[in-house]
Amino acid sequence: MRKLENKELDRKSIADFKEAEKTPIIIILDDIRSLHNIGSVFRTADAFLIEKIYLCGITAIPPNKEIHKTALGATETVAWEYQKEVTEVIESLKEEDIKVFAIEQVDKAVFLQNFKIEKTERYALVFGNEVYGVSQKAIELCDGCIEIPQIGTKHSLNISVSAGIVVWDLFQKMTF
């Protein structure tokens, strides 16, 4: 076994990334405090050719050196847009027939491993504040909620970890 060198990884150029067919997933970050979390989500979005990221509320926007530390250039490849009100983003996406799901622990949430996708649909995933999660107003507008099952004492994952887990799960359900 040998570790691959960067030149062997067949990485896309920025231009190739922008022209590539995207995975039909949109990420919505609402009131994310940590600039490192924002950057990490950009990097995950780049890894899986995610369609777009919406940054809402107090979520910081690029260019920002603290976001750049973890994004490592992904803010240059992944399409993003700032909108103050998450509820307006959700309503707008639903008008485009995009299925919107909050990643949150609620009654009637579907566990991630049981979440079924339609390969012909586009999906948006709402991730909320590190302390308070997704707002109730946003949850009420969503088509449903997805929960990552946890069995430890915290029942809480870092938002960037949650995004990585959920995006990977939906990506593999869509492509494999």
N, C-alpha and C. Protein backbone atom coordinates (compact mmCIF):
# COMPACT_ATOMS: atom_id res chain seq x y z
N MET A 1 0.85 -1.17 0.00
CA MET A 1 0.00 0.00 0.00
C MET A 1 0.90 1.24 0.00
N ARG A 2 0.49 2.25 -0.83
CA ARG A 2 1.26 3.47 -0.97
C ARG A 2 0.33 4.66 -0.98
N LYS A 3 0.68 5.66 -0.20
CA LYS A 3 -0.11 6.88 -0.18
C LYS A 3 0.00 7.57 -1.54
N LEU A 4 -1.14 8.02 -2.06
CA LEU A 4 -1.16 8.67 -3.36
C LEU A 4 -0.65 10.10 -3.24
N GLU A 5 0.02 10.55 -4.28
CA GLU A 5 0.47 11.94 -4.34
C GLU A 5 -0.66 12.79 -4.90
N ASN A 6 -0.64 14.08 -4.60
CA ASN A 6 -1.69 14.99 -5.06
C ASN A 6 -1.92 14.89 -6.56
N LYS A 7 -0.85 14.78 -7.34
CA LYS A 7 -1.00 14.73 -8.80
C LYS A 7 -1.73 13.46 -9.27
N GLU A 8 -1.84 12.45 -8.44
CA GLU A 8 -2.52 11.21 -8.78
C GLU A 8 -4.01 11.23 -8.44
N LEU A 9 -4.48 12.29 -7.80
CA LEU A 9 -5.86 12.32 -7.30
C LEU A 9 -6.88 12.82 -8.31
N ASP A 10 -6.46 13.21 -9.49
CA ASP A 10 -7.37 13.66 -10.54
C ASP A 10 -8.31 14.76 -10.05
N ARG A 11 -7.73 15.78 -9.43
CA ARG A 11 -8.52 16.89 -8.90
C ARG A 11 -8.98 17.80 -10.02
N LYS A 12 -10.17 18.34 -9.85
CA LYS A 12 -10.72 19.27 -10.82
C LYS A 12 -10.09 20.64 -10.64
N SER A 13 -9.97 21.36 -11.73
CA SER A 13 -9.59 22.77 -11.64
C SER A 13 -10.83 23.54 -11.19
N ILE A 14 -10.64 24.79 -10.82
CA ILE A 14 -11.79 25.62 -10.43
C ILE A 14 -12.78 25.70 -11.60
N ALA A 15 -12.27 25.91 -12.80
CA ALA A 15 -13.14 26.01 -13.98
C ALA A 15 -13.88 24.69 -14.22
N ASP A 16 -13.19 23.57 -14.09
CA ASP A 16 -13.82 22.26 -14.27
C ASP A 16 -14.91 22.04 -13.22
N PHE A 17 -14.63 22.44 -11.98
CA PHE A 17 -15.61 22.29 -10.90
C PHE A 17 -16.87 23.09 -11.23
N LYS A 18 -16.69 24.33 -11.64
CA LYS A 18 -17.84 25.20 -11.91
C LYS A 18 -18.68 24.68 -13.06
N GLU A 19 -18.06 24.00 -14.02
CA GLU A 19 -18.79 23.48 -15.18
C GLU A 19 -19.36 22.08 -14.95
N ALA A 20 -18.89 21.39 -13.93
CA ALA A 20 -19.31 20.01 -13.69
C ALA A 20 -20.78 19.94 -13.26
N GLU A 21 -21.41 18.83 -13.61
CA GLU A 21 -22.77 18.58 -13.14
C GLU A 21 -22.72 18.43 -11.62
N LYS A 22 -23.60 19.12 -10.94
CA LYS A 22 -23.59 19.14 -9.48
C LYS A 22 -24.50 18.07 -8.89
N THR A 23 -24.15 17.66 -7.69
CA THR A 23 -25.02 16.79 -6.90
C THR A 23 -26.22 17.64 -6.48
N PRO A 24 -27.44 17.15 -6.66
CA PRO A 24 -28.62 17.98 -6.41
C PRO A 24 -28.94 18.15 -4.91
N ILE A 25 -27.96 18.70 -4.21
CA ILE A 25 -28.09 18.98 -2.79
C ILE A 25 -27.70 20.44 -2.56
N ILE A 26 -28.51 21.13 -1.79
CA ILE A 26 -28.24 22.50 -1.38
C ILE A 26 -28.11 22.48 0.14
N ILE A 27 -27.12 23.21 0.65
CA ILE A 27 -26.91 23.29 2.09
C ILE A 27 -27.33 24.68 2.55
N ILE A 28 -28.08 24.72 3.63
CA ILE A 28 -28.49 26.00 4.24
C ILE A 28 -27.89 26.05 5.65
N LEU A 29 -27.04 27.05 5.87
CA LEU A 29 -26.45 27.24 7.19
C LEU A 29 -27.12 28.44 7.84
N ASP A 30 -27.78 28.21 8.97
CA ASP A 30 -28.52 29.28 9.64
C ASP A 30 -27.92 29.59 11.01
N ASP A 31 -27.49 30.82 11.16
CA ASP A 31 -26.95 31.31 12.44
C ASP A 31 -25.77 30.49 12.96
N ILE A 32 -24.86 30.14 12.07
CA ILE A 32 -23.66 29.40 12.46
C ILE A 32 -22.64 30.40 13.00
N ARG A 33 -22.20 30.18 14.22
CA ARG A 33 -21.28 31.11 14.89
C ARG A 33 -19.83 30.89 14.49
N SER A 34 -19.43 29.65 14.36
CA SER A 34 -18.03 29.31 14.17
C SER A 34 -17.60 29.45 12.71
N LEU A 35 -16.60 30.29 12.50
CA LEU A 35 -16.07 30.46 11.15
C LEU A 35 -15.40 29.18 10.66
N HIS A 36 -14.84 28.42 11.57
CA HIS A 36 -14.22 27.14 11.19
C HIS A 36 -15.28 26.14 10.73
N ASN A 37 -16.43 26.13 11.38
CA ASN A 37 -17.53 25.26 10.92
C ASN A 37 -17.98 25.65 9.52
N ILE A 38 -18.11 26.93 9.27
CA ILE A 38 -18.52 27.41 7.95
C ILE A 38 -17.52 26.94 6.90
N GLY A 39 -16.25 27.14 7.17
CA GLY A 39 -15.21 26.71 6.23
C GLY A 39 -15.22 25.21 6.00
N SER A 40 -15.44 24.45 7.05
CA SER A 40 -15.49 22.98 6.92
C SER A 40 -16.65 22.54 6.06
N VAL A 41 -17.78 23.20 6.19
CA VAL A 41 -18.94 22.85 5.37
C VAL A 41 -18.66 23.19 3.91
N PHE A 42 -18.00 24.29 3.64
CA PHE A 42 -17.61 24.61 2.26
C PHE A 42 -16.72 23.51 1.70
N ARG A 43 -15.80 23.02 2.50
CA ARG A 43 -14.89 21.98 2.02
C ARG A 43 -15.63 20.68 1.74
N THR A 44 -16.58 20.32 2.59
CA THR A 44 -17.41 19.15 2.35
C THR A 44 -18.23 19.34 1.08
N ALA A 45 -18.80 20.52 0.90
CA ALA A 45 -19.60 20.81 -0.29
C ALA A 45 -18.76 20.67 -1.56
N ASP A 46 -17.52 21.11 -1.50
CA ASP A 46 -16.62 20.97 -2.64
C ASP A 46 -16.34 19.49 -2.91
N ALA A 47 -16.10 18.73 -1.86
CA ALA A 47 -15.75 17.31 -2.02
C ALA A 47 -16.83 16.52 -2.74
N PHE A 48 -18.10 16.92 -2.55
CA PHE A 48 -19.21 16.16 -3.12
C PHE A 48 -19.96 16.92 -4.21
N LEU A 49 -19.32 17.96 -4.77
CA LEU A 49 -19.91 18.75 -5.88
C LEU A 49 -21.32 19.24 -5.55
N ILE A 50 -21.48 19.78 -4.37
CA ILE A 50 -22.79 20.26 -3.93
C ILE A 50 -23.18 21.48 -4.75
N GLU A 51 -24.46 21.58 -5.04
CA GLU A 51 -25.00 22.63 -5.90
C GLU A 51 -24.77 24.04 -5.36
N LYS A 52 -25.07 24.26 -4.06
CA LYS A 52 -24.99 25.62 -3.53
C LYS A 52 -25.08 25.60 -2.02
N ILE A 53 -24.55 26.65 -1.40
CA ILE A 53 -24.70 26.88 0.04
C ILE A 53 -25.38 28.23 0.24
N TYR A 54 -26.40 28.24 1.09
CA TYR A 54 -27.01 29.50 1.53
C TYR A 54 -26.50 29.78 2.94
N LEU A 55 -26.03 30.99 3.15
CA LEU A 55 -25.56 31.45 4.45
C LEU A 55 -26.61 32.42 4.97
N CYS A 56 -27.16 32.13 6.15
CA CYS A 56 -28.28 32.93 6.67
C CYS A 56 -28.00 33.43 8.08
N GLY A 57 -28.74 34.50 8.42
CA GLY A 57 -28.67 35.03 9.78
C GLY A 57 -27.29 35.57 10.10
N ILE A 58 -26.74 35.13 11.25
CA ILE A 58 -25.43 35.62 11.69
C ILE A 58 -24.27 34.88 11.04
N THR A 59 -24.55 33.92 10.19
CA THR A 59 -23.49 33.15 9.54
C THR A 59 -22.60 34.10 8.73
N ALA A 60 -21.31 34.05 8.99
CA ALA A 60 -20.35 34.91 8.28
C ALA A 60 -20.22 34.48 6.84
N ILE A 61 -19.73 35.39 6.00
CA ILE A 61 -19.59 35.12 4.58
C ILE A 61 -18.14 35.30 4.14
N PRO A 62 -17.75 34.62 3.09
CA PRO A 62 -16.43 34.85 2.50
C PRO A 62 -16.40 36.22 1.83
N PRO A 63 -15.26 36.79 1.59
CA PRO A 63 -13.95 36.29 2.02
C PRO A 63 -13.72 36.59 3.50
N ASN A 64 -13.12 35.63 4.16
CA ASN A 64 -12.83 35.75 5.58
C ASN A 64 -11.68 34.81 5.87
N LYS A 65 -10.60 35.32 6.46
CA LYS A 65 -9.41 34.48 6.65
C LYS A 65 -9.67 33.29 7.56
N GLU A 66 -10.58 33.43 8.54
CA GLU A 66 -10.89 32.30 9.42
C GLU A 66 -11.69 31.22 8.70
N ILE A 67 -12.60 31.62 7.82
CA ILE A 67 -13.32 30.64 7.00
C ILE A 67 -12.33 29.96 6.05
N HIS A 68 -11.44 30.75 5.48
CA HIS A 68 -10.47 30.23 4.51
C HIS A 68 -9.55 29.15 5.13
N LYS A 69 -9.25 29.29 6.43
CA LYS A 69 -8.36 28.32 7.09
C LYS A 69 -8.86 26.89 6.95
N THR A 70 -10.17 26.70 7.03
CA THR A 70 -10.70 25.34 6.92
C THR A 70 -11.27 25.06 5.54
N ALA A 71 -11.72 26.08 4.83
CA ALA A 71 -12.29 25.87 3.50
C ALA A 71 -11.20 25.53 2.48
N LEU A 72 -10.01 26.03 2.69
CA LEU A 72 -8.87 25.78 1.80
C LEU A 72 -9.20 26.01 0.33
N GLY A 73 -9.87 27.11 0.04
CA GLY A 73 -10.18 27.47 -1.35
C GLY A 73 -11.55 27.05 -1.82
N ALA A 74 -12.29 26.30 -1.04
CA ALA A 74 -13.61 25.83 -1.47
C ALA A 74 -14.61 26.98 -1.63
N THR A 75 -14.34 28.12 -1.01
CA THR A 75 -15.23 29.26 -1.20
C THR A 75 -15.11 29.82 -2.62
N GLU A 76 -14.08 29.42 -3.32
CA GLU A 76 -13.89 29.84 -4.71
C GLU A 76 -14.57 28.89 -5.69
N THR A 77 -14.91 27.70 -5.25
CA THR A 77 -15.51 26.72 -6.15
C THR A 77 -17.01 26.55 -5.92
N VAL A 78 -17.42 26.46 -4.68
CA VAL A 78 -18.82 26.20 -4.36
C VAL A 78 -19.64 27.48 -4.46
N ALA A 79 -20.74 27.41 -5.19
CA ALA A 79 -21.65 28.56 -5.30
C ALA A 79 -22.26 28.83 -3.93
N TRP A 80 -22.36 30.10 -3.56
CA TRP A 80 -22.97 30.45 -2.28
C TRP A 80 -23.68 31.78 -2.41
N GLU A 81 -24.59 32.00 -1.45
CA GLU A 81 -25.37 33.23 -1.43
C GLU A 81 -25.74 33.53 0.01
N TYR A 82 -25.73 34.81 0.36
CA TYR A 82 -26.19 35.21 1.69
C TYR A 82 -27.63 35.70 1.61
N GLN A 83 -28.45 35.20 2.51
CA GLN A 83 -29.82 35.67 2.70
C GLN A 83 -30.04 35.80 4.19
N LYS A 84 -30.52 36.93 4.63
CA LYS A 84 -30.70 37.17 6.07
C LYS A 84 -31.68 36.18 6.70
N GLU A 85 -32.82 35.96 6.07
CA GLU A 85 -33.89 35.15 6.67
C GLU A 85 -33.92 33.72 6.11
N VAL A 86 -33.65 32.76 6.97
CA VAL A 86 -33.68 31.36 6.55
C VAL A 86 -35.07 30.97 6.07
N THR A 87 -36.09 31.53 6.68
CA THR A 87 -37.46 31.16 6.29
C THR A 87 -37.74 31.57 4.84
N GLU A 88 -37.20 32.69 4.41
CA GLU A 88 -37.40 33.11 3.02
C GLU A 88 -36.68 32.18 2.06
N VAL A 89 -35.51 31.71 2.45
CA VAL A 89 -34.77 30.75 1.61
C VAL A 89 -35.56 29.46 1.49
N ILE A 90 -36.05 28.95 2.59
CA ILE A 90 -36.82 27.69 2.57
C ILE A 90 -38.05 27.84 1.68
N GLU A 91 -38.80 28.91 1.87
CA GLU A 91 -40.01 29.13 1.07
C GLU A 91 -39.67 29.23 -0.42
N SER A 92 -38.60 29.93 -0.75
CA SER A 92 -38.19 30.09 -2.14
C SER A 92 -37.80 28.75 -2.76
N LEU A 93 -37.04 27.95 -2.03
CA LEU A 93 -36.62 26.65 -2.55
C LEU A 93 -37.81 25.72 -2.74
N LYS A 94 -38.75 25.76 -1.81
CA LYS A 94 -39.94 24.91 -1.94
C LYS A 94 -40.78 25.31 -3.16
N GLU A 95 -40.79 26.61 -3.48
CA GLU A 95 -41.50 27.06 -4.69
C GLU A 95 -40.85 26.48 -5.95
N GLU A 96 -39.58 26.12 -5.86
CA GLU A 96 -38.87 25.49 -6.98
C GLU A 96 -38.98 23.97 -6.92
N ASP A 97 -39.86 23.46 -6.07
CA ASP A 97 -40.07 22.02 -5.88
C ASP A 97 -38.84 21.30 -5.35
N ILE A 98 -38.04 22.00 -4.57
CA ILE A 98 -36.90 21.39 -3.89
C ILE A 98 -37.39 20.90 -2.54
N LYS A 99 -37.06 19.68 -2.18
CA LYS A 99 -37.45 19.10 -0.90
C LYS A 99 -36.49 19.62 0.18
N VAL A 100 -37.05 20.22 1.23
CA VAL A 100 -36.23 20.84 2.26
C VAL A 100 -36.37 20.06 3.57
N PHE A 101 -35.24 19.64 4.13
CA PHE A 101 -35.22 18.88 5.37
C PHE A 101 -34.26 19.52 6.36
N ALA A 102 -34.75 19.71 7.58
CA ALA A 102 -33.89 20.18 8.66
C ALA A 102 -33.15 18.99 9.25
N ILE A 103 -31.93 19.21 9.65
CA ILE A 103 -31.16 18.18 10.34
C ILE A 103 -31.30 18.52 11.82
N GLU A 104 -32.20 17.82 12.49
CA GLU A 104 -32.56 18.20 13.85
C GLU A 104 -33.23 17.04 14.57
N GLN A 105 -33.18 17.08 15.88
CA GLN A 105 -33.84 16.09 16.72
C GLN A 105 -35.23 16.63 17.07
N VAL A 106 -36.24 16.05 16.46
CA VAL A 106 -37.62 16.45 16.69
C VAL A 106 -38.49 15.19 16.76
N ASP A 107 -39.71 15.36 17.29
CA ASP A 107 -40.62 14.22 17.22
C ASP A 107 -40.92 13.98 15.74
N LYS A 108 -41.07 12.79 15.36
CA LYS A 108 -41.37 12.39 13.99
C LYS A 108 -40.20 12.58 13.01
N ALA A 109 -38.99 12.79 13.53
CA ALA A 109 -37.82 12.84 12.64
C ALA A 109 -37.57 11.45 12.07
N VAL A 110 -37.00 11.41 10.88
CA VAL A 110 -36.61 10.15 10.25
C VAL A 110 -35.12 9.96 10.52
N PHE A 111 -34.76 8.79 11.05
CA PHE A 111 -33.34 8.52 11.23
C PHE A 111 -32.66 8.48 9.87
N LEU A 112 -31.46 9.01 9.83
CA LEU A 112 -30.72 9.14 8.57
C LEU A 112 -30.65 7.83 7.79
N GLN A 113 -30.40 6.74 8.45
CA GLN A 113 -30.27 5.46 7.74
C GLN A 113 -31.59 5.00 7.13
N ASN A 114 -32.70 5.55 7.60
CA ASN A 114 -34.02 5.20 7.07
C ASN A 114 -34.55 6.22 6.07
N PHE A 115 -33.82 7.29 5.87
CA PHE A 115 -34.27 8.35 4.97
C PHE A 115 -34.14 7.88 3.52
N LYS A 116 -35.25 7.86 2.82
CA LYS A 116 -35.28 7.42 1.42
C LYS A 116 -35.27 8.64 0.51
N ILE A 117 -34.50 8.57 -0.53
CA ILE A 117 -34.46 9.67 -1.49
C ILE A 117 -35.06 9.22 -2.82
N GLU A 118 -35.49 10.20 -3.57
CA GLU A 118 -35.89 9.99 -4.97
C GLU A 118 -34.77 10.59 -5.81
N LYS A 119 -34.17 9.79 -6.64
CA LYS A 119 -33.03 10.26 -7.42
C LYS A 119 -33.37 11.38 -8.39
N THR A 120 -34.65 11.59 -8.64
CA THR A 120 -35.07 12.66 -9.55
C THR A 120 -35.31 13.98 -8.81
N GLU A 121 -35.23 13.97 -7.50
CA GLU A 121 -35.52 15.17 -6.70
C GLU A 121 -34.24 15.94 -6.37
N ARG A 122 -34.43 17.22 -6.05
CA ARG A 122 -33.36 18.04 -5.49
C ARG A 122 -33.68 18.23 -4.01
N TYR A 123 -32.64 18.29 -3.19
CA TYR A 123 -32.81 18.37 -1.75
C TYR A 123 -32.04 19.55 -1.19
N ALA A 124 -32.62 20.17 -0.16
CA ALA A 124 -31.93 21.20 0.62
C ALA A 124 -31.91 20.73 2.06
N LEU A 125 -30.78 20.94 2.71
CA LEU A 125 -30.56 20.50 4.09
C LEU A 125 -30.29 21.72 4.95
N VAL A 126 -31.08 21.89 6.01
CA VAL A 126 -30.92 23.04 6.91
C VAL A 126 -30.14 22.61 8.15
N PHE A 127 -29.03 23.29 8.40
CA PHE A 127 -28.23 23.07 9.60
C PHE A 127 -28.29 24.34 10.43
N GLY A 128 -28.54 24.19 11.73
CA GLY A 128 -28.75 25.35 12.58
C GLY A 128 -27.60 25.64 13.52
N ASN A 129 -27.83 26.64 14.34
CA ASN A 129 -26.88 27.15 15.31
C ASN A 129 -26.29 26.05 16.19
N GLU A 130 -25.02 26.22 16.53
CA GLU A 130 -24.28 25.22 17.30
C GLU A 130 -24.91 24.95 18.68
N VAL A 131 -25.58 25.92 19.26
CA VAL A 131 -26.18 25.73 20.58
C VAL A 131 -27.67 25.44 20.48
N TYR A 132 -28.37 26.22 19.66
CA TYR A 132 -29.84 26.17 19.63
C TYR A 132 -30.41 25.32 18.49
N GLY A 133 -29.59 24.91 17.56
CA GLY A 133 -30.07 24.08 16.46
C GLY A 133 -30.89 24.87 15.46
N VAL A 134 -31.72 24.16 14.71
CA VAL A 134 -32.58 24.76 13.70
C VAL A 134 -33.78 25.38 14.41
N SER A 135 -34.13 26.59 14.04
CA SER A 135 -35.25 27.28 14.70
C SER A 135 -36.57 26.56 14.43
N GLN A 136 -37.49 26.70 15.37
CA GLN A 136 -38.81 26.10 15.21
C GLN A 136 -39.52 26.66 13.98
N LYS A 137 -39.35 27.97 13.70
CA LYS A 137 -39.98 28.58 12.51
C LYS A 137 -39.48 27.90 11.24
N ALA A 138 -38.19 27.61 11.18
CA ALA A 138 -37.64 26.94 10.01
C ALA A 138 -38.15 25.50 9.92
N ILE A 139 -38.16 24.81 11.05
CA ILE A 139 -38.63 23.42 11.08
C ILE A 139 -40.06 23.32 10.54
N GLU A 140 -40.91 24.25 10.94
CA GLU A 140 -42.31 24.22 10.52
C GLU A 140 -42.48 24.39 9.01
N LEU A 141 -41.52 25.00 8.36
CA LEU A 141 -41.58 25.20 6.90
C LEU A 141 -41.01 24.01 6.12
N CYS A 142 -40.23 23.19 6.78
CA CYS A 142 -39.54 22.08 6.10
C CYS A 142 -40.50 20.95 5.76
N ASP A 143 -40.08 20.13 4.79
CA ASP A 143 -40.84 18.95 4.41
C ASP A 143 -40.69 17.84 5.43
N GLY A 144 -39.70 17.95 6.29
CA GLY A 144 -39.46 16.95 7.33
C GLY A 144 -38.14 17.21 7.99
N CYS A 145 -37.79 16.33 8.93
CA CYS A 145 -36.53 16.44 9.64
C CYS A 145 -35.81 15.09 9.60
N ILE A 146 -34.51 15.18 9.50
CA ILE A 146 -33.65 14.00 9.50
C ILE A 146 -32.82 14.07 10.78
N GLU A 147 -32.73 12.94 11.46
CA GLU A 147 -31.93 12.87 12.68
C GLU A 147 -30.81 11.86 12.51
N ILE A 148 -29.63 12.25 12.95
CA ILE A 148 -28.50 11.33 13.00
C ILE A 148 -28.59 10.60 14.34
N PRO A 149 -28.83 9.29 14.33
CA PRO A 149 -28.97 8.59 15.60
C PRO A 149 -27.65 8.62 16.40
N GLN A 150 -27.79 8.84 17.69
CA GLN A 150 -26.62 8.90 18.57
C GLN A 150 -26.96 8.18 19.87
N ILE A 151 -25.98 7.52 20.45
CA ILE A 151 -26.26 6.73 21.65
C ILE A 151 -25.38 7.12 22.84
N GLY A 152 -24.57 8.16 22.70
CA GLY A 152 -23.71 8.60 23.80
C GLY A 152 -24.45 9.51 24.75
N THR A 153 -23.70 10.26 25.55
CA THR A 153 -24.30 11.14 26.54
C THR A 153 -24.65 12.51 25.98
N LYS A 154 -24.02 12.96 24.93
CA LYS A 154 -24.20 14.32 24.43
C LYS A 154 -25.39 14.46 23.48
N HIS A 155 -25.64 13.48 22.65
CA HIS A 155 -26.68 13.58 21.63
C HIS A 155 -26.57 14.89 20.86
N SER A 156 -25.34 15.22 20.52
CA SER A 156 -25.06 16.45 19.80
C SER A 156 -23.75 16.28 19.06
N LEU A 157 -23.76 16.64 17.79
CA LEU A 157 -22.54 16.60 16.99
C LEU A 157 -22.21 18.02 16.52
N ASN A 158 -20.94 18.27 16.30
CA ASN A 158 -20.53 19.53 15.71
C ASN A 158 -21.22 19.68 14.37
N ILE A 159 -21.62 20.89 14.03
CA ILE A 159 -22.37 21.12 12.79
C ILE A 159 -21.59 20.67 11.56
N SER A 160 -20.28 20.89 11.55
CA SER A 160 -19.52 20.47 10.37
C SER A 160 -19.45 18.95 10.27
N VAL A 161 -19.41 18.28 11.40
CA VAL A 161 -19.44 16.81 11.39
C VAL A 161 -20.80 16.33 10.91
N SER A 162 -21.87 16.93 11.43
CA SER A 162 -23.22 16.57 11.00
C SER A 162 -23.38 16.75 9.49
N ALA A 163 -22.90 17.88 8.98
CA ALA A 163 -23.00 18.14 7.54
C ALA A 163 -22.25 17.07 6.75
N GLY A 164 -21.06 16.72 7.19
CA GLY A 164 -20.29 15.69 6.50
C GLY A 164 -21.01 14.35 6.47
N ILE A 165 -21.57 13.96 7.59
CA ILE A 165 -22.27 12.68 7.68
C ILE A 165 -23.49 12.67 6.77
N VAL A 166 -24.32 13.70 6.86
CA VAL A 166 -25.58 13.72 6.11
C VAL A 166 -25.32 13.88 4.61
N VAL A 167 -24.41 14.77 4.25
CA VAL A 167 -24.12 14.96 2.82
C VAL A 167 -23.56 13.68 2.22
N TRP A 168 -22.64 13.02 2.92
CA TRP A 168 -22.11 11.75 2.41
C TRP A 168 -23.22 10.73 2.23
N ASP A 169 -24.09 10.62 3.22
CA ASP A 169 -25.17 9.63 3.15
C ASP A 169 -26.07 9.89 1.94
N LEU A 170 -26.51 11.12 1.76
CA LEU A 170 -27.37 11.43 0.61
C LEU A 170 -26.61 11.27 -0.70
N PHE A 171 -25.36 11.69 -0.73
CA PHE A 171 -24.53 11.55 -1.94
C PHE A 171 -24.44 10.09 -2.36
N GLN A 172 -24.14 9.22 -1.41
CA GLN A 172 -23.99 7.81 -1.80
C GLN A 172 -25.33 7.20 -2.17
N LYS A 173 -26.43 7.64 -1.57
CA LYS A 173 -27.75 7.13 -1.97
C LYS A 173 -28.11 7.60 -3.37
N MET A 174 -27.63 8.77 -3.76
CA MET A 174 -27.93 9.32 -5.09
C MET A 174 -27.05 8.73 -6.19
N THR A 175 -25.83 8.36 -5.84
CA THR A 175 -24.88 7.99 -6.89
C THR A 175 -24.51 6.53 -6.96
N PHE A 176 -24.76 5.77 -5.91
CA PHE A 176 -24.34 4.36 -5.93
C PHE A 176 -25.52 3.43 -5.99
